[in-house]
Amino acid sequence: MRTVILDTNALMMPFQFGVDPEAEIKIIFGAARIVVLSSIIGELKRLALKRPEAGAALTYANRFETVETDMGGDDSVIFMAVELNAAVVTNDAGLRKRLRQKGITVLYMRKKNRLAVDGVV
């Protein structure tokens, strides 16, 4: 079963664009273990003070397993993707580039209505 990490903007997709990452992941991988990093939860908590969709994303994140990490930011996503041999859902162009340089499969939003895959499924 494939592990997939949702980053901050992936968790906000349902509330900003009406795209359900969980359903899209199921279409692409079938059954998958979907996880959210503790660093992402912390980022959403900070963002929720300013952006209502971040609060909704925080509630949505509770549906998934939380993986603890002492790192923060994009570095935590890259490190844990390597550690867990996981794909990552993100729209962050800089993070996507860094993930692809490491050979990590990236799922990203395409045409604002579905996820596309960059890398090996």
N, C-alpha and C. Protein backbone atom coordinates (compact mmCIF):
# COMPACT_ATOMS: atom_id res chain seq x y z
N MET A 1 0.85 -1.18 0.00
CA MET A 1 0.00 0.00 0.00
C MET A 1 0.90 1.24 0.00
N ARG A 2 0.59 2.18 -0.85
CA ARG A 2 1.38 3.40 -0.99
C ARG A 2 1.06 4.37 0.13
N THR A 3 2.09 5.04 0.65
CA THR A 3 1.91 6.11 1.63
C THR A 3 1.94 7.44 0.88
N VAL A 4 1.04 8.33 1.27
CA VAL A 4 0.94 9.65 0.63
C VAL A 4 0.89 10.71 1.73
N ILE A 5 1.76 11.71 1.61
CA ILE A 5 1.79 12.83 2.55
C ILE A 5 1.02 14.00 1.95
N LEU A 6 0.13 14.58 2.74
CA LEU A 6 -0.59 15.79 2.33
C LEU A 6 0.11 17.00 2.94
N ASP A 7 0.48 17.97 2.11
CA ASP A 7 1.08 19.17 2.68
C ASP A 7 -0.02 20.20 2.94
N THR A 8 0.37 21.36 3.41
CA THR A 8 -0.59 22.37 3.84
C THR A 8 -1.58 22.75 2.74
N ASN A 9 -1.08 23.09 1.56
CA ASN A 9 -2.01 23.53 0.52
C ASN A 9 -2.87 22.39 0.00
N ALA A 10 -2.39 21.15 0.11
CA ALA A 10 -3.22 20.00 -0.28
C ALA A 10 -4.43 19.87 0.65
N LEU A 11 -4.21 20.15 1.93
CA LEU A 11 -5.30 20.06 2.89
C LEU A 11 -6.33 21.19 2.71
N MET A 12 -5.93 22.26 2.05
CA MET A 12 -6.87 23.37 1.82
C MET A 12 -7.59 23.24 0.47
N MET A 13 -7.19 22.30 -0.37
CA MET A 13 -7.81 22.13 -1.70
C MET A 13 -9.34 21.99 -1.65
N PRO A 14 -9.88 21.19 -0.73
CA PRO A 14 -11.34 21.04 -0.72
C PRO A 14 -12.08 22.36 -0.49
N PHE A 15 -11.46 23.25 0.26
CA PHE A 15 -12.11 24.49 0.67
C PHE A 15 -11.82 25.65 -0.28
N GLN A 16 -10.74 25.55 -1.02
CA GLN A 16 -10.40 26.59 -1.98
C GLN A 16 -10.87 26.26 -3.40
N PHE A 17 -10.81 24.97 -3.76
CA PHE A 17 -11.08 24.58 -5.14
C PHE A 17 -12.12 23.48 -5.30
N GLY A 18 -12.60 22.93 -4.19
CA GLY A 18 -13.58 21.85 -4.27
C GLY A 18 -12.99 20.52 -4.72
N VAL A 19 -11.67 20.38 -4.62
CA VAL A 19 -10.99 19.14 -5.00
C VAL A 19 -10.74 18.32 -3.73
N ASP A 20 -11.17 17.06 -3.73
CA ASP A 20 -11.00 16.18 -2.58
C ASP A 20 -9.73 15.34 -2.78
N PRO A 21 -8.63 15.68 -2.10
CA PRO A 21 -7.39 14.92 -2.30
C PRO A 21 -7.54 13.44 -1.98
N GLU A 22 -8.33 13.12 -0.98
CA GLU A 22 -8.51 11.71 -0.59
C GLU A 22 -9.13 10.91 -1.74
N ALA A 23 -10.17 11.45 -2.37
CA ALA A 23 -10.82 10.77 -3.49
C ALA A 23 -9.88 10.68 -4.69
N GLU A 24 -9.13 11.74 -4.95
CA GLU A 24 -8.19 11.74 -6.07
C GLU A 24 -7.07 10.72 -5.86
N ILE A 25 -6.58 10.62 -4.62
CA ILE A 25 -5.53 9.64 -4.30
C ILE A 25 -6.06 8.23 -4.53
N LYS A 26 -7.30 7.99 -4.15
CA LYS A 26 -7.90 6.66 -4.34
C LYS A 26 -7.97 6.32 -5.84
N ILE A 27 -8.30 7.29 -6.67
CA ILE A 27 -8.34 7.07 -8.12
C ILE A 27 -6.95 6.71 -8.64
N ILE A 28 -5.93 7.40 -8.16
CA ILE A 28 -4.57 7.21 -8.67
C ILE A 28 -3.91 5.95 -8.12
N PHE A 29 -4.00 5.73 -6.81
CA PHE A 29 -3.28 4.63 -6.17
C PHE A 29 -4.16 3.49 -5.70
N GLY A 30 -5.47 3.66 -5.70
CA GLY A 30 -6.32 2.67 -5.05
C GLY A 30 -6.20 2.90 -3.55
N ALA A 31 -6.04 1.84 -2.80
CA ALA A 31 -5.88 1.98 -1.35
C ALA A 31 -4.54 2.64 -1.06
N ALA A 32 -4.54 3.59 -0.14
CA ALA A 32 -3.31 4.29 0.24
C ALA A 32 -3.39 4.68 1.71
N ARG A 33 -2.22 4.76 2.31
CA ARG A 33 -2.10 5.28 3.67
C ARG A 33 -1.83 6.78 3.52
N ILE A 34 -2.78 7.59 3.95
CA ILE A 34 -2.66 9.05 3.82
C ILE A 34 -2.26 9.60 5.18
N VAL A 35 -1.17 10.38 5.19
CA VAL A 35 -0.65 10.92 6.44
C VAL A 35 -0.46 12.43 6.34
N VAL A 36 -0.46 13.06 7.51
CA VAL A 36 -0.19 14.48 7.65
C VAL A 36 0.92 14.60 8.70
N LEU A 37 1.91 15.40 8.41
CA LEU A 37 3.02 15.58 9.34
C LEU A 37 2.64 16.54 10.46
N SER A 38 3.21 16.32 11.64
CA SER A 38 2.92 17.21 12.77
C SER A 38 3.33 18.64 12.45
N SER A 39 4.36 18.82 11.63
CA SER A 39 4.79 20.17 11.25
C SER A 39 3.71 20.87 10.41
N ILE A 40 2.98 20.10 9.62
CA ILE A 40 1.89 20.65 8.80
C ILE A 40 0.72 21.06 9.70
N ILE A 41 0.44 20.25 10.71
CA ILE A 41 -0.62 20.59 11.68
C ILE A 41 -0.27 21.92 12.35
N GLY A 42 0.99 22.08 12.76
CA GLY A 42 1.42 23.33 13.38
C GLY A 42 1.27 24.52 12.45
N GLU A 43 1.62 24.32 11.18
CA GLU A 43 1.49 25.41 10.20
C GLU A 43 0.02 25.78 10.01
N LEU A 44 -0.85 24.78 9.94
CA LEU A 44 -2.29 25.06 9.79
C LEU A 44 -2.84 25.82 11.00
N LYS A 45 -2.38 25.47 12.18
CA LYS A 45 -2.83 26.17 13.39
C LYS A 45 -2.46 27.65 13.32
N ARG A 46 -1.25 27.94 12.86
CA ARG A 46 -0.83 29.34 12.73
C ARG A 46 -1.64 30.06 11.65
N LEU A 47 -1.84 29.40 10.52
CA LEU A 47 -2.60 30.00 9.42
C LEU A 47 -4.06 30.21 9.78
N ALA A 48 -4.61 29.33 10.61
CA ALA A 48 -6.03 29.41 10.97
C ALA A 48 -6.38 30.71 11.68
N LEU A 49 -5.39 31.36 12.26
CA LEU A 49 -5.64 32.64 12.93
C LEU A 49 -5.97 33.73 11.92
N LYS A 50 -5.57 33.54 10.65
CA LYS A 50 -5.78 34.56 9.62
C LYS A 50 -6.70 34.11 8.49
N ARG A 51 -6.74 32.81 8.24
CA ARG A 51 -7.45 32.30 7.06
C ARG A 51 -8.45 31.23 7.45
N PRO A 52 -9.75 31.46 7.22
CA PRO A 52 -10.77 30.49 7.62
C PRO A 52 -10.59 29.12 6.97
N GLU A 53 -10.10 29.07 5.72
CA GLU A 53 -9.94 27.77 5.06
C GLU A 53 -8.86 26.94 5.74
N ALA A 54 -7.92 27.58 6.42
CA ALA A 54 -6.89 26.84 7.16
C ALA A 54 -7.51 26.15 8.38
N GLY A 55 -8.48 26.80 9.01
CA GLY A 55 -9.20 26.16 10.12
C GLY A 55 -9.98 24.95 9.64
N ALA A 56 -10.63 25.09 8.50
CA ALA A 56 -11.36 23.96 7.92
C ALA A 56 -10.39 22.85 7.53
N ALA A 57 -9.22 23.23 7.00
CA ALA A 57 -8.20 22.24 6.61
C ALA A 57 -7.67 21.50 7.84
N LEU A 58 -7.58 22.19 8.95
CA LEU A 58 -7.13 21.56 10.19
C LEU A 58 -8.12 20.49 10.64
N THR A 59 -9.40 20.79 10.54
CA THR A 59 -10.43 19.80 10.86
C THR A 59 -10.35 18.62 9.89
N TYR A 60 -10.18 18.91 8.61
CA TYR A 60 -10.05 17.87 7.59
C TYR A 60 -8.83 16.99 7.87
N ALA A 61 -7.73 17.58 8.31
CA ALA A 61 -6.50 16.84 8.59
C ALA A 61 -6.69 15.79 9.68
N ASN A 62 -7.65 16.00 10.57
CA ASN A 62 -7.91 15.05 11.65
C ASN A 62 -8.40 13.70 11.14
N ARG A 63 -8.81 13.63 9.87
CA ARG A 63 -9.27 12.36 9.27
C ARG A 63 -8.11 11.40 9.04
N PHE A 64 -6.88 11.94 9.02
CA PHE A 64 -5.73 11.17 8.60
C PHE A 64 -4.75 10.95 9.76
N GLU A 65 -3.92 9.96 9.59
CA GLU A 65 -2.88 9.65 10.57
C GLU A 65 -1.88 10.81 10.63
N THR A 66 -1.48 11.19 11.84
CA THR A 66 -0.46 12.22 12.02
C THR A 66 0.87 11.54 12.29
N VAL A 67 1.90 11.94 11.54
CA VAL A 67 3.25 11.42 11.73
C VAL A 67 4.08 12.52 12.38
N GLU A 68 4.68 12.20 13.50
CA GLU A 68 5.48 13.19 14.25
C GLU A 68 6.81 13.44 13.55
N THR A 69 7.21 14.70 13.54
CA THR A 69 8.51 15.09 13.03
C THR A 69 9.01 16.30 13.81
N ASP A 70 10.31 16.34 14.05
CA ASP A 70 10.91 17.47 14.76
C ASP A 70 11.31 18.58 13.80
N MET A 71 11.27 18.28 12.53
CA MET A 71 11.67 19.26 11.52
C MET A 71 10.47 20.13 11.18
N GLY A 72 10.72 21.18 10.41
CA GLY A 72 9.64 22.06 10.00
C GLY A 72 9.73 22.38 8.53
N GLY A 73 8.67 22.97 8.01
CA GLY A 73 8.64 23.45 6.64
C GLY A 73 8.82 22.37 5.59
N ASP A 74 9.28 22.81 4.43
CA ASP A 74 9.45 21.90 3.30
C ASP A 74 10.46 20.80 3.61
N ASP A 75 11.47 21.11 4.42
CA ASP A 75 12.47 20.10 4.76
C ASP A 75 11.85 18.90 5.45
N SER A 76 10.84 19.13 6.29
CA SER A 76 10.19 18.01 6.98
C SER A 76 9.44 17.14 5.98
N VAL A 77 8.81 17.76 4.99
CA VAL A 77 8.06 17.01 3.98
C VAL A 77 9.02 16.16 3.16
N ILE A 78 10.12 16.74 2.72
CA ILE A 78 11.10 16.00 1.92
C ILE A 78 11.71 14.86 2.72
N PHE A 79 12.15 15.15 3.93
CA PHE A 79 12.77 14.13 4.77
C PHE A 79 11.82 12.97 5.02
N MET A 80 10.57 13.27 5.40
CA MET A 80 9.63 12.20 5.72
C MET A 80 9.18 11.44 4.46
N ALA A 81 9.13 12.12 3.32
CA ALA A 81 8.80 11.42 2.07
C ALA A 81 9.85 10.37 1.76
N VAL A 82 11.11 10.73 1.98
CA VAL A 82 12.19 9.76 1.77
C VAL A 82 12.09 8.64 2.80
N GLU A 83 11.93 9.00 4.07
CA GLU A 83 11.86 8.01 5.16
C GLU A 83 10.72 7.02 4.98
N LEU A 84 9.57 7.53 4.55
CA LEU A 84 8.37 6.69 4.42
C LEU A 84 8.18 6.12 3.01
N ASN A 85 9.11 6.47 2.11
CA ASN A 85 8.96 6.09 0.70
C ASN A 85 7.57 6.51 0.20
N ALA A 86 7.24 7.76 0.46
CA ALA A 86 5.89 8.27 0.23
C ALA A 86 5.84 9.21 -0.96
N ALA A 87 4.67 9.28 -1.57
CA ALA A 87 4.37 10.33 -2.54
C ALA A 87 3.90 11.54 -1.73
N VAL A 88 3.90 12.71 -2.37
CA VAL A 88 3.49 13.94 -1.70
C VAL A 88 2.48 14.67 -2.56
N VAL A 89 1.41 15.16 -1.93
CA VAL A 89 0.45 16.02 -2.61
C VAL A 89 0.76 17.46 -2.23
N THR A 90 1.11 18.27 -3.24
CA THR A 90 1.43 19.69 -3.01
C THR A 90 1.25 20.48 -4.30
N ASN A 91 0.93 21.74 -4.16
CA ASN A 91 0.90 22.66 -5.29
C ASN A 91 2.06 23.64 -5.23
N ASP A 92 2.87 23.56 -4.21
CA ASP A 92 4.00 24.46 -4.03
C ASP A 92 5.07 24.14 -5.08
N ALA A 93 5.28 25.06 -6.02
CA ALA A 93 6.20 24.81 -7.15
C ALA A 93 7.63 24.54 -6.68
N GLY A 94 8.10 25.29 -5.70
CA GLY A 94 9.45 25.09 -5.19
C GLY A 94 9.62 23.73 -4.54
N LEU A 95 8.64 23.34 -3.74
CA LEU A 95 8.68 22.04 -3.08
C LEU A 95 8.57 20.92 -4.12
N ARG A 96 7.71 21.10 -5.10
CA ARG A 96 7.57 20.08 -6.16
C ARG A 96 8.91 19.84 -6.84
N LYS A 97 9.62 20.91 -7.15
CA LYS A 97 10.91 20.78 -7.82
C LYS A 97 11.91 20.02 -6.95
N ARG A 98 11.97 20.38 -5.68
CA ARG A 98 12.90 19.70 -4.75
C ARG A 98 12.54 18.22 -4.59
N LEU A 99 11.25 17.91 -4.53
CA LEU A 99 10.83 16.51 -4.40
C LEU A 99 11.21 15.72 -5.64
N ARG A 100 10.97 16.29 -6.81
CA ARG A 100 11.30 15.59 -8.05
C ARG A 100 12.80 15.37 -8.18
N GLN A 101 13.62 16.32 -7.69
CA GLN A 101 15.07 16.15 -7.71
C GLN A 101 15.50 14.95 -6.87
N LYS A 102 14.70 14.61 -5.86
CA LYS A 102 14.98 13.46 -5.00
C LYS A 102 14.31 12.18 -5.53
N GLY A 103 13.59 12.29 -6.65
CA GLY A 103 12.93 11.12 -7.22
C GLY A 103 11.63 10.75 -6.52
N ILE A 104 11.04 11.70 -5.82
CA ILE A 104 9.80 11.46 -5.07
C ILE A 104 8.60 11.79 -5.96
N THR A 105 7.63 10.90 -5.97
CA THR A 105 6.41 11.11 -6.75
C THR A 105 5.61 12.25 -6.15
N VAL A 106 5.15 13.15 -7.01
CA VAL A 106 4.40 14.32 -6.58
C VAL A 106 3.03 14.32 -7.26
N LEU A 107 1.99 14.54 -6.47
CA LEU A 107 0.65 14.75 -7.00
C LEU A 107 0.36 16.23 -6.83
N TYR A 108 -0.17 16.85 -7.88
CA TYR A 108 -0.43 18.28 -7.84
C TYR A 108 -1.72 18.57 -8.57
N MET A 109 -2.29 19.72 -8.28
CA MET A 109 -3.58 20.06 -8.87
C MET A 109 -3.40 20.48 -10.32
N ARG A 110 -4.27 19.94 -11.15
CA ARG A 110 -4.24 20.22 -12.58
C ARG A 110 -5.60 20.75 -12.98
N LYS A 111 -5.64 21.85 -13.69
CA LYS A 111 -6.87 22.46 -14.18
C LYS A 111 -7.87 22.77 -13.07
N LYS A 112 -7.37 22.94 -11.86
CA LYS A 112 -8.18 23.31 -10.70
C LYS A 112 -9.35 22.38 -10.42
N ASN A 113 -9.27 21.12 -10.94
CA ASN A 113 -10.36 20.21 -10.64
C ASN A 113 -9.94 18.76 -10.43
N ARG A 114 -8.64 18.45 -10.54
CA ARG A 114 -8.19 17.09 -10.31
C ARG A 114 -6.70 17.09 -10.01
N LEU A 115 -6.21 15.94 -9.53
CA LEU A 115 -4.79 15.81 -9.28
C LEU A 115 -4.12 15.09 -10.45
N ALA A 116 -2.91 15.52 -10.76
CA ALA A 116 -2.08 14.86 -11.76
C ALA A 116 -0.84 14.33 -11.05
N VAL A 117 -0.14 13.38 -11.70
CA VAL A 117 1.02 12.74 -11.09
C VAL A 117 2.27 13.12 -11.87
N ASP A 118 3.29 13.47 -11.11
CA ASP A 118 4.63 13.71 -11.66
C ASP A 118 5.55 12.69 -11.00
N GLY A 119 5.93 11.67 -11.75
CA GLY A 119 6.79 10.62 -11.20
C GLY A 119 6.14 9.26 -11.33
N VAL A 120 6.72 8.30 -10.66
CA VAL A 120 6.28 6.91 -10.74
C VAL A 120 5.09 6.68 -9.82
N VAL A 121 4.07 6.02 -10.37
CA VAL A 121 2.88 5.70 -9.56
C VAL A 121 3.12 4.45 -8.78
